[in-house]
Amino acid sequence: MEVIPGNGGHVLVVDDEPQLVDIAKQSLELFGCSVATVKSGEEAIAYLQNNKADLVLLDMLMDPGMNGRETYGQIVKIYPRQRAIVVSGYS
C-alpha cells in the first residue's frame, strides 16, 4: 500500500482507549501530521488553552467525564472555528 503524505498539520487525538489512541497517532503520523494525545475531554480543553490544533479527533463516548459532543461545545468557546471530527467505535 502506498501512503500519500498530506501537508502536515497538528492533530489533537482525544480518546480514553489507549490502543485506539496509538492506532490514530501512528496512522496520522504516516500522513505527515504531528500528533498530540489526551485521554479526556477535560484534558483536551486544558491542552487547547495553551496550544493550537489544526484538527481535533474526538471520541464520542468517553468515561468518566465529558463526551465528545460536550467537549467540542467547550472547545468552540475557546476557538469558535475549530475543526473537529467526532468518531465512535460503539456499535
Protein backbone atom coordinates (compact mmCIF):
# COMPACT_ATOMS: atom_id res chain seq x y z
CA MET A 1 0.00 0.00 0.00
CA GLU A 2 1.36 3.38 -0.98
CA VAL A 3 0.96 6.15 1.60
CA ILE A 4 0.40 9.58 0.08
CA PRO A 5 1.64 12.17 2.57
CA GLY A 6 -0.57 15.09 3.46
CA ASN A 7 0.57 18.63 4.07
CA GLY A 8 1.35 18.09 7.73
CA GLY A 9 -0.65 19.92 10.31
CA HIS A 10 -1.15 19.37 14.01
CA VAL A 11 -3.86 16.96 15.18
CA LEU A 12 -5.10 16.51 18.74
CA VAL A 13 -6.46 12.99 19.35
CA VAL A 14 -8.87 12.70 22.30
CA ASP A 15 -9.79 9.17 23.38
CA ASP A 16 -9.95 7.20 26.62
CA GLU A 17 -8.84 3.93 24.97
CA PRO A 18 -5.01 3.72 24.81
CA GLN A 19 -4.99 1.23 21.92
CA LEU A 20 -7.20 3.43 19.76
CA VAL A 21 -5.09 6.48 20.58
CA ASP A 22 -1.99 4.58 19.46
CA ILE A 23 -3.61 3.47 16.18
CA ALA A 24 -4.82 7.01 15.40
CA LYS A 25 -1.44 8.54 16.27
CA GLN A 26 0.55 6.12 14.13
CA SER A 27 -1.85 6.46 11.19
CA LEU A 28 -1.84 10.25 11.26
CA GLU A 29 1.95 10.38 11.55
CA LEU A 30 2.19 8.26 8.37
CA PHE A 31 0.45 11.15 6.60
CA GLY A 32 2.96 13.67 7.94
CA CYS A 33 0.90 15.08 10.80
CA SER A 34 2.29 16.00 14.17
CA VAL A 35 0.03 14.45 16.80
CA ALA A 36 -0.71 15.22 20.43
CA THR A 37 -2.90 12.91 22.50
CA VAL A 38 -5.02 13.29 25.61
CA LYS A 39 -7.29 10.87 27.50
CA SER A 40 -10.35 13.01 28.22
CA GLY A 41 -12.42 15.98 27.18
CA GLU A 42 -11.18 17.88 30.19
CA GLU A 43 -7.56 17.26 29.16
CA ALA A 44 -8.37 18.38 25.61
CA ILE A 45 -9.74 21.70 26.82
CA ALA A 46 -6.72 22.25 29.07
CA TYR A 47 -4.38 21.41 26.17
CA LEU A 48 -6.12 23.81 23.79
CA GLN A 49 -5.94 26.68 26.25
CA ASN A 50 -2.18 26.75 25.66
CA ASN A 51 -1.82 25.07 22.25
CA LYS A 52 -3.49 25.09 18.86
CA ALA A 53 -4.55 22.19 16.67
CA ASP A 54 -5.48 22.19 13.00
CA LEU A 55 -7.88 19.33 13.73
CA VAL A 56 -9.28 17.67 16.82
CA LEU A 57 -10.19 13.99 16.52
CA LEU A 58 -12.69 13.29 19.33
CA ASP A 59 -14.12 10.04 20.64
CA MET A 60 -17.89 10.44 21.11
CA LEU A 61 -18.11 8.22 24.20
CA MET A 62 -15.56 8.69 26.97
CA ASP A 63 -15.85 7.60 30.58
CA PRO A 64 -15.77 9.25 33.03
CA GLY A 65 -16.26 12.91 32.22
CA MET A 66 -17.42 14.81 29.18
CA ASN A 67 -18.33 13.05 25.97
CA GLY A 68 -17.16 14.19 22.54
CA ARG A 69 -20.14 16.45 21.87
CA GLU A 70 -19.80 18.20 25.23
CA THR A 71 -16.06 18.56 24.74
CA TYR A 72 -16.48 20.11 21.30
CA GLY A 73 -19.05 22.53 22.72
CA GLN A 74 -16.45 23.75 25.21
CA ILE A 75 -13.66 23.85 22.61
CA VAL A 76 -15.59 26.17 20.29
CA LYS A 77 -15.91 28.63 23.18
CA ILE A 78 -12.10 28.92 23.06
CA TYR A 79 -11.68 28.59 19.26
CA PRO A 80 -15.04 29.19 17.52
CA ARG A 81 -13.73 27.94 14.16
CA GLN A 82 -12.00 24.81 15.46
CA ARG A 83 -12.23 21.90 13.03
CA ALA A 84 -13.07 18.54 14.54
CA ILE A 85 -14.13 15.04 13.67
CA VAL A 86 -16.22 13.22 16.29
CA VAL A 87 -15.99 9.43 15.98
CA SER A 88 -17.19 6.37 17.80
CA GLY A 89 -16.36 2.69 17.76
CA TYR A 90 -19.59 1.89 19.57
CA SER A 91 -21.83 -0.39 17.55
